[in-house]
Amino acid sequence: MKLLHRVFTAFVLICFMSVAGGAIAAEAAEKPYEPVEGQEGKDVVWVPTPFVLVEKMLEMARVTPQDYVMDLGSGDGRNVIAAAKRGARALGVEYNPNMVELSQRAAEQEGVAEKAAFVQGDMYEADISQATVLALFLLTENLNKLAPKFLELRPGARIVVNGFGIDGWEADETGMADGDCGSWCTAYLYIVPARVAGTWRLPQGELALEQSFQRVSGVLSSGGAGKPIANGRLLGDQINFTIGGVKYSGRVDGNSMHGDNGAWNATRLNPVTR
């Protein structure tokens, strides 16, 4: 009888443990994914941007319903969701599929799922060509690697970043968030400049331009003499420079430049295509 009792007791215990284990597993399966601040990702560590800084970033980028906003390494989706709340179409590219699902649920809960979308993918391979705004929280090394793609965006596209800048590219605007932002209170805005490097024909001669992001330098050659330009600068498709005390202001349109009020015109001698 004692042996039978022991067998029965063991059987009951095994059944109990099986049921309890199944319940725990089911509870774990039903529990939503919760990211942990500082968790490792493919190329970055996840640290969320404070909500007050998210709003400051979108304010600096002047996001409107006409914009298409993208976030690379979008994490929990807060940049994308905040942009969608401003009426913009927005897309987040995130490598972690659990974060993608988390972001999609958050967009539904916030009532912006029709405007805020999320896809699983590598941020370095993402097609950003249609974006008018990039809202990012990446390290400088990530931003430097992406910079060539940034410069292929349409002139005037805005890139707003949290905390870290792009080497060699001076921010067009720096802003500070108000309120509870902890260690992350600074945002930098970069406006994609038109591409003007090359030789241009002006009525006064040939203008050879060199470009480093929004800074422009060069020489106007005429009759064997050369005059260097000063204060050359771009803001999107707007260009300003000075030659021999004469100020030139205008807009770049592909392989043409047009002075304000028709004051001057220039044509690129070595056309480029985007």
C-alpha atoms as a PDB file:
ATOM      1  CA  MET A   1       0.000   0.000   0.000  1.00  0.00           C
ATOM      2  CA  LYS A   2       2.856   2.385   0.855  1.00  0.00           C
ATOM      3  CA  LEU A   3       4.366   1.884  -2.600  1.00  0.00           C
ATOM      4  CA  LEU A   4       0.999   2.524  -4.263  1.00  0.00           C
ATOM      5  CA  HIS A   5       0.540   5.667  -2.159  1.00  0.00           C
ATOM      6  CA  ARG A   6       3.963   6.967  -3.155  1.00  0.00           C
ATOM      7  CA  VAL A   7       3.266   6.331  -6.843  1.00  0.00           C
ATOM      8  CA  PHE A   8      -0.077   8.114  -6.609  1.00  0.00           C
ATOM      9  CA  THR A   9       1.491  11.072  -4.793  1.00  0.00           C
ATOM     10  CA  ALA A  10       4.226  11.365  -7.405  1.00  0.00           C
ATOM     11  CA  PHE A  11       1.646  11.211 -10.189  1.00  0.00           C
ATOM     12  CA  VAL A  12      -0.412  14.003  -8.612  1.00  0.00           C
ATOM     13  CA  LEU A  13       2.708  16.119  -8.115  1.00  0.00           C
ATOM     14  CA  ILE A  14       3.755  15.676 -11.751  1.00  0.00           C
ATOM     15  CA  CYS A  15       0.270  16.625 -12.947  1.00  0.00           C
ATOM     16  CA  PHE A  16       0.275  19.711 -10.734  1.00  0.00           C
ATOM     17  CA  MET A  17       3.684  20.820 -11.961  1.00  0.00           C
ATOM     18  CA  SER A  18       2.617  20.260 -15.560  1.00  0.00           C
ATOM     19  CA  VAL A  19      -0.525  22.349 -15.140  1.00  0.00           C
ATOM     20  CA  ALA A  20       1.339  25.075 -13.243  1.00  0.00           C
ATOM     21  CA  GLY A  21       4.119  25.139 -15.822  1.00  0.00           C
ATOM     22  CA  GLY A  22       1.596  25.396 -18.627  1.00  0.00           C
ATOM     23  CA  ALA A  23      -0.155  28.279 -16.895  1.00  0.00           C
ATOM     24  CA  ILE A  24       3.129  30.126 -16.415  1.00  0.00           C
ATOM     25  CA  ALA A  25       4.079  29.565 -20.052  1.00  0.00           C
ATOM     26  CA  ALA A  26       0.670  30.779 -21.213  1.00  0.00           C
ATOM     27  CA  GLU A  27       0.950  33.876 -19.031  1.00  0.00           C
ATOM     28  CA  ALA A  28       4.423  34.593 -20.435  1.00  0.00           C
ATOM     29  CA  ALA A  29       3.141  34.160 -23.973  1.00  0.00           C
ATOM     30  CA  GLU A  30       0.269  36.582 -23.353  1.00  0.00           C
ATOM     31  CA  LYS A  31       2.421  39.230 -21.646  1.00  0.00           C
ATOM     32  CA  PRO A  32       3.284  42.057 -24.087  1.00  0.00           C
ATOM     33  CA  TYR A  33       6.921  42.604 -24.989  1.00  0.00           C
ATOM     34  CA  GLU A  34       8.551  45.233 -22.798  1.00  0.00           C
ATOM     35  CA  PRO A  35      11.886  46.714 -23.921  1.00  0.00           C
ATOM     36  CA  VAL A  36      14.571  47.508 -21.368  1.00  0.00           C
ATOM     37  CA  GLU A  37      16.413  50.812 -21.553  1.00  0.00           C
ATOM     38  CA  GLY A  38      19.993  50.156 -22.602  1.00  0.00           C
ATOM     39  CA  GLN A  39      19.236  46.879 -24.353  1.00  0.00           C
ATOM     40  CA  GLU A  40      21.577  45.991 -27.209  1.00  0.00           C
ATOM     41  CA  GLY A  41      20.369  46.257 -30.802  1.00  0.00           C
ATOM     42  CA  LYS A  42      21.979  45.475 -34.129  1.00  0.00           C
ATOM     43  CA  ASP A  43      23.768  48.809 -34.509  1.00  0.00           C
ATOM     44  CA  VAL A  44      22.650  50.824 -31.495  1.00  0.00           C
ATOM     45  CA  VAL A  45      21.676  50.559 -27.844  1.00  0.00           C
ATOM     46  CA  TRP A  46      18.038  51.456 -27.207  1.00  0.00           C
ATOM     47  CA  VAL A  47      17.601  54.566 -25.099  1.00  0.00           C
ATOM     48  CA  PRO A  48      14.264  56.353 -25.581  1.00  0.00           C
ATOM     49  CA  THR A  49      14.188  60.044 -26.422  1.00  0.00           C
ATOM     50  CA  PRO A  50      12.320  61.996 -23.706  1.00  0.00           C
ATOM     51  CA  PHE A  51       8.874  62.967 -24.944  1.00  0.00           C
ATOM     52  CA  VAL A  52       9.550  66.675 -24.382  1.00  0.00           C
ATOM     53  CA  LEU A  53      12.587  66.441 -26.663  1.00  0.00           C
ATOM     54  CA  VAL A  54      10.613  64.533 -29.295  1.00  0.00           C
ATOM     55  CA  GLU A  55       8.199  67.448 -29.464  1.00  0.00           C
ATOM     56  CA  LYS A  56      11.062  69.947 -29.574  1.00  0.00           C
ATOM     57  CA  MET A  57      12.672  68.041 -32.457  1.00  0.00           C
ATOM     58  CA  LEU A  58       9.471  68.006 -34.491  1.00  0.00           C
ATOM     59  CA  GLU A  59       8.910  71.675 -33.696  1.00  0.00           C
ATOM     60  CA  MET A  60      12.407  72.535 -34.953  1.00  0.00           C
ATOM     61  CA  ALA A  61      11.787  70.518 -38.125  1.00  0.00           C
ATOM     62  CA  ARG A  62       8.504  72.409 -38.579  1.00  0.00           C
ATOM     63  CA  VAL A  63       6.576  69.218 -39.267  1.00  0.00           C
ATOM     64  CA  THR A  64       3.219  69.711 -40.988  1.00  0.00           C
ATOM     65  CA  PRO A  65       0.564  67.380 -42.442  1.00  0.00           C
ATOM     66  CA  GLN A  66       2.321  67.772 -45.812  1.00  0.00           C
ATOM     67  CA  ASP A  67       5.472  66.047 -44.535  1.00  0.00           C
ATOM     68  CA  TYR A  68       6.649  62.464 -44.779  1.00  0.00           C
ATOM     69  CA  VAL A  69       8.648  61.770 -41.636  1.00  0.00           C
ATOM     70  CA  MET A  70      10.981  58.805 -41.174  1.00  0.00           C
ATOM     71  CA  ASP A  71      12.866  57.435 -38.191  1.00  0.00           C
ATOM     72  CA  LEU A  72      15.756  54.998 -38.628  1.00  0.00           C
ATOM     73  CA  GLY A  73      16.172  52.679 -35.668  1.00  0.00           C
ATOM     74  CA  SER A  74      12.718  53.748 -34.513  1.00  0.00           C
ATOM     75  CA  GLY A  75      12.689  51.810 -31.228  1.00  0.00           C
ATOM     76  CA  ASP A  76       9.318  52.042 -29.496  1.00  0.00           C
ATOM     77  CA  GLY A  77       7.997  54.310 -32.246  1.00  0.00           C
ATOM     78  CA  ARG A  78       7.584  57.508 -30.267  1.00  0.00           C
ATOM     79  CA  ASN A  79       9.096  59.827 -32.929  1.00  0.00           C
ATOM     80  CA  VAL A  80       6.876  58.368 -35.637  1.00  0.00           C
ATOM     81  CA  ILE A  81       3.741  58.419 -33.499  1.00  0.00           C
ATOM     82  CA  ALA A  82       4.352  62.029 -32.428  1.00  0.00           C
ATOM     83  CA  ALA A  83       4.803  63.063 -36.072  1.00  0.00           C
ATOM     84  CA  ALA A  84       1.580  61.287 -37.027  1.00  0.00           C
ATOM     85  CA  LYS A  85      -0.240  63.180 -34.279  1.00  0.00           C
ATOM     86  CA  ARG A  86       0.813  66.361 -36.095  1.00  0.00           C
ATOM     87  CA  GLY A  87      -0.911  65.044 -39.210  1.00  0.00           C
ATOM     88  CA  ALA A  88       2.187  63.870 -41.079  1.00  0.00           C
ATOM     89  CA  ARG A  89       2.604  60.492 -42.726  1.00  0.00           C
ATOM     90  CA  ALA A  90       5.379  58.730 -40.866  1.00  0.00           C
ATOM     91  CA  LEU A  91       7.408  55.534 -41.114  1.00  0.00           C
ATOM     92  CA  GLY A  92       9.724  53.853 -38.640  1.00  0.00           C
ATOM     93  CA  VAL A  93      12.397  51.379 -39.693  1.00  0.00           C
ATOM     94  CA  GLU A  94      13.439  49.076 -36.844  1.00  0.00           C
ATOM     95  CA  TYR A  95      15.559  45.920 -36.904  1.00  0.00           C
ATOM     96  CA  ASN A  96      14.025  44.301 -33.792  1.00  0.00           C
ATOM     97  CA  PRO A  97      10.699  42.673 -34.804  1.00  0.00           C
ATOM     98  CA  ASN A  98       9.438  42.802 -31.211  1.00  0.00           C
ATOM     99  CA  MET A  99       9.928  46.568 -31.200  1.00  0.00           C
ATOM    100  CA  VAL A 100       8.084  46.813 -34.508  1.00  0.00           C
ATOM    101  CA  GLU A 101       5.065  45.005 -33.027  1.00  0.00           C
ATOM    102  CA  LEU A 102       5.257  47.147 -29.896  1.00  0.00           C
ATOM    103  CA  SER A 103       5.264  50.310 -32.030  1.00  0.00           C
ATOM    104  CA  GLN A 104       2.331  49.131 -34.111  1.00  0.00           C
ATOM    105  CA  ARG A 105       0.275  48.460 -30.977  1.00  0.00           C
ATOM    106  CA  ALA A 106       1.191  51.884 -29.603  1.00  0.00           C
ATOM    107  CA  ALA A 107       0.131  53.578 -32.852  1.00  0.00           C
ATOM    108  CA  GLU A 108      -3.230  51.811 -32.671  1.00  0.00           C
ATOM    109  CA  GLN A 109      -3.689  52.807 -29.034  1.00  0.00           C
ATOM    110  CA  GLU A 110      -2.884  56.431 -29.898  1.00  0.00           C
ATOM    111  CA  GLY A 111      -5.321  56.406 -32.825  1.00  0.00           C
ATOM    112  CA  VAL A 112      -2.736  57.155 -35.525  1.00  0.00           C
ATOM    113  CA  ALA A 113      -2.253  53.723 -37.104  1.00  0.00           C
ATOM    114  CA  GLU A 114      -3.479  55.065 -40.457  1.00  0.00           C
ATOM    115  CA  LYS A 115      -0.616  57.571 -40.606  1.00  0.00           C
ATOM    116  CA  ALA A 116       2.109  55.841 -38.572  1.00  0.00           C
ATOM    117  CA  ALA A 117       3.629  52.700 -40.087  1.00  0.00           C
ATOM    118  CA  PHE A 118       6.507  50.501 -38.972  1.00  0.00           C
ATOM    119  CA  VAL A 119       8.611  47.989 -40.859  1.00  0.00           C
ATOM    120  CA  GLN A 120      11.330  45.572 -39.831  1.00  0.00           C
ATOM    121  CA  GLY A 121      14.579  46.344 -41.606  1.00  0.00           C
ATOM    122  CA  ASP A 122      18.173  47.551 -41.575  1.00  0.00           C
ATOM    123  CA  MET A 123      18.383  51.327 -41.222  1.00  0.00           C
ATOM    124  CA  TYR A 124      21.419  51.479 -43.503  1.00  0.00           C
ATOM    125  CA  GLU A 125      19.493  49.821 -46.319  1.00  0.00           C
ATOM    126  CA  ALA A 126      16.245  51.769 -45.912  1.00  0.00           C
ATOM    127  CA  ASP A 127      14.918  53.824 -48.821  1.00  0.00           C
ATOM    128  CA  ILE A 128      14.719  57.364 -47.453  1.00  0.00           C
ATOM    129  CA  SER A 129      14.452  59.109 -50.825  1.00  0.00           C
ATOM    130  CA  GLN A 130      10.858  60.281 -50.297  1.00  0.00           C
ATOM    131  CA  ALA A 131      11.339  61.600 -46.769  1.00  0.00           C
ATOM    132  CA  THR A 132      10.992  65.319 -46.145  1.00  0.00           C
ATOM    133  CA  VAL A 133      11.960  64.966 -42.482  1.00  0.00           C
ATOM    134  CA  LEU A 134      14.188  62.495 -40.636  1.00  0.00           C
ATOM    135  CA  ALA A 135      13.750  62.430 -36.844  1.00  0.00           C
ATOM    136  CA  LEU A 136      16.576  60.381 -35.334  1.00  0.00           C
ATOM    137  CA  PHE A 137      18.343  59.322 -32.148  1.00  0.00           C
ATOM    138  CA  LEU A 138      21.605  57.748 -33.312  1.00  0.00           C
ATOM    139  CA  LEU A 139      25.262  57.927 -32.390  1.00  0.00           C
ATOM    140  CA  THR A 140      27.612  60.135 -34.395  1.00  0.00           C
ATOM    141  CA  GLU A 141      29.212  57.044 -35.951  1.00  0.00           C
ATOM    142  CA  ASN A 142      25.794  55.945 -37.232  1.00  0.00           C
ATOM    143  CA  LEU A 143      24.995  59.423 -38.534  1.00  0.00           C
ATOM    144  CA  ASN A 144      28.367  59.702 -40.280  1.00  0.00           C
ATOM    145  CA  LYS A 145      27.735  56.417 -42.063  1.00  0.00           C
ATOM    146  CA  LEU A 146      24.302  57.618 -43.182  1.00  0.00           C
ATOM    147  CA  ALA A 147      25.445  61.129 -44.201  1.00  0.00           C
ATOM    148  CA  PRO A 148      25.970  60.289 -47.914  1.00  0.00           C
ATOM    149  CA  LYS A 149      22.348  59.100 -48.081  1.00  0.00           C
ATOM    150  CA  PHE A 150      21.187  62.229 -46.273  1.00  0.00           C
ATOM    151  CA  LEU A 151      22.796  64.419 -48.935  1.00  0.00           C
ATOM    152  CA  GLU A 152      20.826  62.613 -51.649  1.00  0.00           C
ATOM    153  CA  LEU A 153      17.552  63.882 -50.191  1.00  0.00           C
ATOM    154  CA  ARG A 154      15.792  66.782 -51.856  1.00  0.00           C
ATOM    155  CA  PRO A 155      17.269  70.190 -50.981  1.00  0.00           C
ATOM    156  CA  GLY A 156      15.371  71.563 -48.028  1.00  0.00           C
ATOM    157  CA  ALA A 157      14.703  68.201 -46.393  1.00  0.00           C
ATOM    158  CA  ARG A 158      15.183  68.452 -42.630  1.00  0.00           C
ATOM    159  CA  ILE A 159      17.171  66.103 -40.425  1.00  0.00           C
ATOM    160  CA  VAL A 160      16.660  66.567 -36.701  1.00  0.00           C
ATOM    161  CA  VAL A 161      18.678  64.539 -34.228  1.00  0.00           C
ATOM    162  CA  ASN A 162      18.884  63.986 -30.491  1.00  0.00           C
ATOM    163  CA  GLY A 163      22.140  64.659 -28.695  1.00  0.00           C
ATOM    164  CA  PHE A 164      24.705  63.631 -31.294  1.00  0.00           C
ATOM    165  CA  GLY A 165      25.757  65.582 -34.381  1.00  0.00           C
ATOM    166  CA  ILE A 166      27.217  64.772 -37.787  1.00  0.00           C
ATOM    167  CA  ASP A 167      30.967  65.234 -38.152  1.00  0.00           C
ATOM    168  CA  GLY A 168      31.884  68.122 -40.443  1.00  0.00           C
ATOM    169  CA  TRP A 169      28.293  69.290 -40.880  1.00  0.00           C
ATOM    170  CA  GLU A 170      27.425  72.380 -38.888  1.00  0.00           C
ATOM    171  CA  ALA A 171      23.903  72.281 -37.508  1.00  0.00           C
ATOM    172  CA  ASP A 172      21.608  74.933 -38.970  1.00  0.00           C
ATOM    173  CA  GLU A 173      19.819  75.199 -35.634  1.00  0.00           C
ATOM    174  CA  THR A 174      20.351  73.972 -32.078  1.00  0.00           C
ATOM    175  CA  GLY A 175      17.477  73.688 -29.638  1.00  0.00           C
ATOM    176  CA  MET A 176      16.935  72.766 -25.988  1.00  0.00           C
ATOM    177  CA  ALA A 177      13.883  71.003 -24.616  1.00  0.00           C
ATOM    178  CA  ASP A 178      12.016  72.379 -21.636  1.00  0.00           C
ATOM    179  CA  GLY A 179      10.861  70.179 -18.791  1.00  0.00           C
ATOM    180  CA  ASP A 180      11.873  66.671 -17.778  1.00  0.00           C
ATOM    181  CA  CYS A 181      14.462  65.598 -20.337  1.00  0.00           C
ATOM    182  CA  GLY A 182      17.156  64.118 -18.100  1.00  0.00           C
ATOM    183  CA  SER A 183      20.468  63.791 -19.948  1.00  0.00           C
ATOM    184  CA  TRP A 184      18.872  64.213 -23.378  1.00  0.00           C
ATOM    185  CA  CYS A 185      17.793  67.825 -23.809  1.00  0.00           C
ATOM    186  CA  THR A 186      19.614  69.009 -26.953  1.00  0.00           C
ATOM    187  CA  ALA A 187      18.477  68.668 -30.557  1.00  0.00           C
ATOM    188  CA  TYR A 188      20.265  69.595 -33.777  1.00  0.00           C
ATOM    189  CA  LEU A 189      18.617  70.506 -37.064  1.00  0.00           C
ATOM    190  CA  TYR A 190      20.334  69.990 -40.417  1.00  0.00           C
ATOM    191  CA  ILE A 191      18.789  71.238 -43.656  1.00  0.00           C
ATOM    192  CA  VAL A 192      19.892  69.287 -46.710  1.00  0.00           C
ATOM    193  CA  PRO A 193      21.705  71.680 -49.078  1.00  0.00           C
ATOM    194  CA  ALA A 194      21.455  71.741 -52.847  1.00  0.00           C
ATOM    195  CA  ARG A 195      24.484  70.327 -54.621  1.00  0.00           C
ATOM    196  CA  VAL A 196      26.430  73.126 -56.284  1.00  0.00           C
ATOM    197  CA  ALA A 197      29.987  71.813 -56.640  1.00  0.00           C
ATOM    198  CA  GLY A 198      31.229  72.295 -60.199  1.00  0.00           C
ATOM    199  CA  THR A 199      31.706  75.035 -62.766  1.00  0.00           C
ATOM    200  CA  TRP A 200      28.955  77.543 -63.540  1.00  0.00           C
ATOM    201  CA  ARG A 201      28.605  80.073 -66.346  1.00  0.00           C
ATOM    202  CA  LEU A 202      27.656  83.587 -65.278  1.00  0.00           C
ATOM    203  CA  PRO A 203      27.544  86.690 -67.489  1.00  0.00           C
ATOM    204  CA  GLN A 204      30.621  87.863 -65.570  1.00  0.00           C
ATOM    205  CA  GLY A 205      32.632  84.683 -66.256  1.00  0.00           C
ATOM    206  CA  GLU A 206      33.032  81.118 -65.013  1.00  0.00           C
ATOM    207  CA  LEU A 207      32.370  80.364 -61.363  1.00  0.00           C
ATOM    208  CA  ALA A 208      34.133  77.265 -59.994  1.00  0.00           C
ATOM    209  CA  LEU A 209      32.499  76.145 -56.753  1.00  0.00           C
ATOM    210  CA  GLU A 210      33.552  73.704 -54.072  1.00  0.00           C
ATOM    211  CA  GLN A 211      31.160  72.532 -51.383  1.00  0.00           C
ATOM    212  CA  SER A 212      31.312  71.042 -47.900  1.00  0.00           C
ATOM    213  CA  PHE A 213      27.741  70.470 -46.776  1.00  0.00           C
ATOM    214  CA  GLN A 214      26.199  73.984 -46.592  1.00  0.00           C
ATOM    215  CA  ARG A 215      29.507  75.847 -46.908  1.00  0.00           C
ATOM    216  CA  VAL A 216      30.556  77.023 -50.377  1.00  0.00           C
ATOM    217  CA  SER A 217      33.874  78.368 -51.639  1.00  0.00           C
ATOM    218  CA  GLY A 218      35.214  79.101 -55.105  1.00  0.00           C
ATOM    219  CA  VAL A 219      36.623  81.514 -57.652  1.00  0.00           C
ATOM    220  CA  LEU A 220      35.054  83.616 -60.406  1.00  0.00           C
ATOM    221  CA  SER A 221      37.369  83.665 -63.429  1.00  0.00           C
ATOM    222  CA  SER A 222      37.067  86.380 -66.053  1.00  0.00           C
ATOM    223  CA  GLY A 223      39.606  87.702 -68.548  1.00  0.00           C
ATOM    224  CA  GLY A 224      42.431  85.746 -66.975  1.00  0.00           C
ATOM    225  CA  ALA A 225      41.775  87.169 -63.506  1.00  0.00           C
ATOM    226  CA  GLY A 226      40.223  85.335 -60.582  1.00  0.00           C
ATOM    227  CA  LYS A 227      38.123  86.667 -57.718  1.00  0.00           C
ATOM    228  CA  PRO A 228      37.449  84.400 -54.712  1.00  0.00           C
ATOM    229  CA  ILE A 229      33.953  84.245 -53.325  1.00  0.00           C
ATOM    230  CA  ALA A 230      33.272  85.031 -49.676  1.00  0.00           C
ATOM    231  CA  ASN A 231      30.543  84.051 -47.227  1.00  0.00           C
ATOM    232  CA  GLY A 232      29.296  81.250 -49.456  1.00  0.00           C
ATOM    233  CA  ARG A 233      26.458  79.398 -47.790  1.00  0.00           C
ATOM    234  CA  LEU A 234      23.444  77.246 -48.635  1.00  0.00           C
ATOM    235  CA  LEU A 235      20.175  76.792 -46.772  1.00  0.00           C
ATOM    236  CA  GLY A 236      18.320  74.114 -48.678  1.00  0.00           C
ATOM    237  CA  ASP A 237      18.059  75.464 -52.224  1.00  0.00           C
ATOM    238  CA  GLN A 238      18.865  79.047 -51.163  1.00  0.00           C
ATOM    239  CA  ILE A 239      22.387  80.228 -51.940  1.00  0.00           C
ATOM    240  CA  ASN A 240      24.255  83.332 -50.825  1.00  0.00           C
ATOM    241  CA  PHE A 241      27.792  84.471 -51.586  1.00  0.00           C
ATOM    242  CA  THR A 242      29.813  87.624 -52.198  1.00  0.00           C
ATOM    243  CA  ILE A 243      32.253  88.405 -55.031  1.00  0.00           C
ATOM    244  CA  GLY A 244      34.287  91.587 -54.921  1.00  0.00           C
ATOM    245  CA  GLY A 245      31.890  93.222 -52.507  1.00  0.00           C
ATOM    246  CA  VAL A 246      28.822  92.331 -54.610  1.00  0.00           C
ATOM    247  CA  LYS A 247      26.290  90.114 -52.835  1.00  0.00           C
ATOM    248  CA  TYR A 248      24.561  87.320 -54.732  1.00  0.00           C
ATOM    249  CA  SER A 249      21.387  85.731 -53.399  1.00  0.00           C
ATOM    250  CA  GLY A 250      19.215  83.253 -55.224  1.00  0.00           C
ATOM    251  CA  ARG A 251      17.957  79.713 -55.556  1.00  0.00           C
ATOM    252  CA  VAL A 252      19.424  76.546 -56.989  1.00  0.00           C
ATOM    253  CA  ASP A 253      17.240  74.527 -59.343  1.00  0.00           C
ATOM    254  CA  GLY A 254      19.210  71.479 -60.389  1.00  0.00           C
ATOM    255  CA  ASN A 255      21.738  72.715 -62.936  1.00  0.00           C
ATOM    256  CA  SER A 256      20.549  76.327 -62.853  1.00  0.00           C
ATOM    257  CA  MET A 257      20.772  79.155 -60.360  1.00  0.00           C
ATOM    258  CA  HIS A 258      18.445  82.138 -60.429  1.00  0.00           C
ATOM    259  CA  GLY A 259      19.108  85.355 -58.572  1.00  0.00           C
ATOM    260  CA  ASP A 260      16.429  86.974 -56.465  1.00  0.00           C
ATOM    261  CA  ASN A 261      14.179  89.199 -58.588  1.00  0.00           C
ATOM    262  CA  GLY A 262      15.983  87.988 -61.715  1.00  0.00           C
ATOM    263  CA  ALA A 263      19.147  89.865 -60.765  1.00  0.00           C
ATOM    264  CA  TRP A 264      21.449  87.142 -62.122  1.00  0.00           C
ATOM    265  CA  ASN A 265      21.448  83.640 -63.576  1.00  0.00           C
ATOM    266  CA  ALA A 266      23.979  80.823 -63.802  1.00  0.00           C
ATOM    267  CA  THR A 267      24.115  77.496 -65.626  1.00  0.00           C
ATOM    268  CA  ARG A 268      26.235  74.532 -64.613  1.00  0.00           C
ATOM    269  CA  LEU A 269      28.729  73.549 -67.311  1.00  0.00           C
ATOM    270  CA  ASN A 270      29.059  69.976 -66.067  1.00  0.00           C
ATOM    271  CA  PRO A 271      25.427  68.975 -65.392  1.00  0.00           C
ATOM    272  CA  VAL A 272      24.700  66.470 -62.629  1.00  0.00           C
ATOM    273  CA  THR A 273      21.681  64.253 -62.144  1.00  0.00           C
ATOM    274  CA  ARG A 274      20.173  63.232 -58.818  1.00  0.00           C
END
